[in-house]
Amino acid sequence: MNPTNNSLVFNDDGTEVILELSSDVDPPKADGGDGECSNSTSTSSVGANENAGNVCVYLTRCYTARSITADDYQKSYCIVNNNNNRYAGICCARSEVDKNP
């Protein structure tokens, strides 16, 4: 994490990945709506169920993401593109999106 830039920074197969974190009360959403995940497998999506669709959403929109590790995040991250910003997203089971505790 880079608190100066308010972003997550990590390496993915030798490539530096920089994803913005939002301080807005309303989490960012992708310009075209929640897109299907390109890394949506039962082991890489958070809260995955083989019968559920998986979508890329901002971290705080995925209920199950509250209890994952940094390693889990790096296996299931995605990018939420919103107004030319690249926000920290996660591949999340559709049933876990915007779910209340």
Protein backbone atom coordinates (compact mmCIF):
# COMPACT_ATOMS: atom_id res chain seq x y z
CA MET A 1 0.00 0.00 0.00
CA ASN A 2 1.19 3.50 -0.81
CA PRO A 3 -0.58 5.91 1.59
CA THR A 4 0.98 8.95 -0.09
CA ASN A 5 -0.79 8.18 -3.37
CA ASN A 6 -3.75 6.43 -1.73
CA SER A 7 -3.13 3.32 -3.81
CA LEU A 8 -2.31 -0.38 -3.73
CA VAL A 9 1.01 -1.25 -5.35
CA PHE A 10 2.21 -4.80 -6.00
CA ASN A 11 3.90 -6.94 -8.65
CA ASP A 12 2.02 -9.36 -10.88
CA ASP A 13 4.36 -11.61 -12.87
CA GLY A 14 7.06 -8.91 -12.87
CA THR A 15 4.73 -6.06 -13.80
CA GLU A 16 4.08 -3.29 -11.28
CA VAL A 17 0.35 -2.87 -10.67
CA ILE A 18 -0.90 0.44 -9.23
CA LEU A 19 -4.57 0.62 -8.28
CA GLU A 20 -6.27 3.62 -6.70
CA LEU A 21 -8.19 3.47 -3.44
CA SER A 22 -11.23 5.67 -2.99
CA SER A 23 -12.06 7.71 0.09
CA ASP A 24 -15.54 8.46 -1.24
CA VAL A 25 -18.49 7.11 0.76
CA ASP A 26 -19.97 5.78 -2.49
CA PRO A 27 -17.58 3.17 -3.90
CA PRO A 28 -16.59 3.66 -7.54
CA LYS A 29 -18.32 1.58 -10.18
CA ALA A 30 -17.06 0.73 -13.64
CA ASP A 31 -18.24 3.08 -16.37
CA GLY A 32 -20.01 0.28 -18.24
CA GLY A 33 -21.38 -1.49 -15.15
CA ASP A 34 -20.00 -4.54 -13.34
CA GLY A 35 -18.10 -6.59 -15.90
CA GLU A 36 -17.44 -10.31 -15.88
CA CYS A 37 -14.04 -11.23 -14.44
CA SER A 38 -11.30 -12.52 -16.69
CA ASN A 39 -9.85 -14.43 -13.72
CA SER A 40 -13.17 -15.88 -12.57
CA THR A 41 -12.42 -19.40 -11.46
CA SER A 42 -13.68 -21.10 -8.37
CA THR A 43 -10.27 -20.63 -6.77
CA SER A 44 -9.53 -17.07 -7.86
CA SER A 45 -12.80 -15.27 -7.28
CA VAL A 46 -13.76 -14.29 -3.77
CA GLY A 47 -16.83 -16.07 -2.38
CA ALA A 48 -17.03 -18.05 -5.60
CA ASN A 49 -19.74 -20.57 -6.25
CA GLU A 50 -19.47 -22.62 -9.42
CA ASN A 51 -23.12 -21.77 -10.24
CA ALA A 52 -22.77 -18.02 -9.69
CA GLY A 53 -21.44 -15.41 -12.09
CA ASN A 54 -18.35 -13.47 -11.05
CA VAL A 55 -17.98 -9.74 -11.59
CA CYS A 56 -15.27 -7.13 -11.09
CA VAL A 57 -16.28 -4.67 -8.37
CA TYR A 58 -14.51 -2.15 -6.13
CA LEU A 59 -13.07 -3.87 -3.04
CA THR A 60 -15.59 -2.58 -0.51
CA ARG A 61 -18.55 -3.74 -2.61
CA CYS A 62 -17.57 -7.42 -2.16
CA TYR A 63 -18.75 -8.67 1.23
CA THR A 64 -16.47 -11.71 1.24
CA ALA A 65 -13.39 -9.56 0.49
CA ARG A 66 -13.45 -8.30 4.08
CA SER A 67 -11.56 -11.37 5.24
CA ILE A 68 -9.03 -12.10 2.48
CA THR A 69 -5.25 -11.93 2.65
CA ALA A 70 -2.93 -9.87 0.46
CA ASP A 71 -1.98 -13.09 -1.37
CA ASP A 72 -5.65 -13.88 -2.04
CA TYR A 73 -6.17 -10.36 -3.37
CA GLN A 74 -3.29 -10.66 -5.82
CA LYS A 75 -4.87 -13.85 -7.22
CA SER A 76 -8.33 -12.31 -7.63
CA TYR A 77 -7.78 -8.60 -8.30
CA CYS A 78 -9.24 -6.79 -11.26
CA ILE A 79 -9.40 -3.17 -12.37
CA VAL A 80 -12.49 -0.98 -11.99
CA ASN A 81 -12.17 1.68 -14.70
CA ASN A 82 -14.09 4.83 -13.80
CA ASN A 83 -13.55 8.25 -15.42
CA ASN A 84 -10.00 7.36 -16.52
CA ASN A 85 -9.11 6.12 -13.01
CA ARG A 86 -7.97 2.56 -12.28
CA TYR A 87 -9.51 1.53 -8.96
CA ALA A 88 -8.72 -1.55 -6.85
CA GLY A 89 -11.28 -4.13 -7.83
CA ILE A 90 -11.80 -7.74 -6.93
CA CYS A 91 -13.34 -10.64 -8.80
CA CYS A 92 -16.36 -11.34 -6.63
CA ALA A 93 -19.24 -13.79 -6.75
CA ARG A 94 -22.30 -11.85 -7.92
CA SER A 95 -24.21 -13.01 -4.82
CA GLU A 96 -21.62 -11.28 -2.57
CA VAL A 97 -21.81 -7.85 -4.27
CA ASP A 98 -23.35 -5.05 -2.18
CA LYS A 99 -24.42 -7.66 0.40
CA ASN A 100 -25.20 -6.39 3.90
CA PRO A 101 -23.85 -8.23 6.96
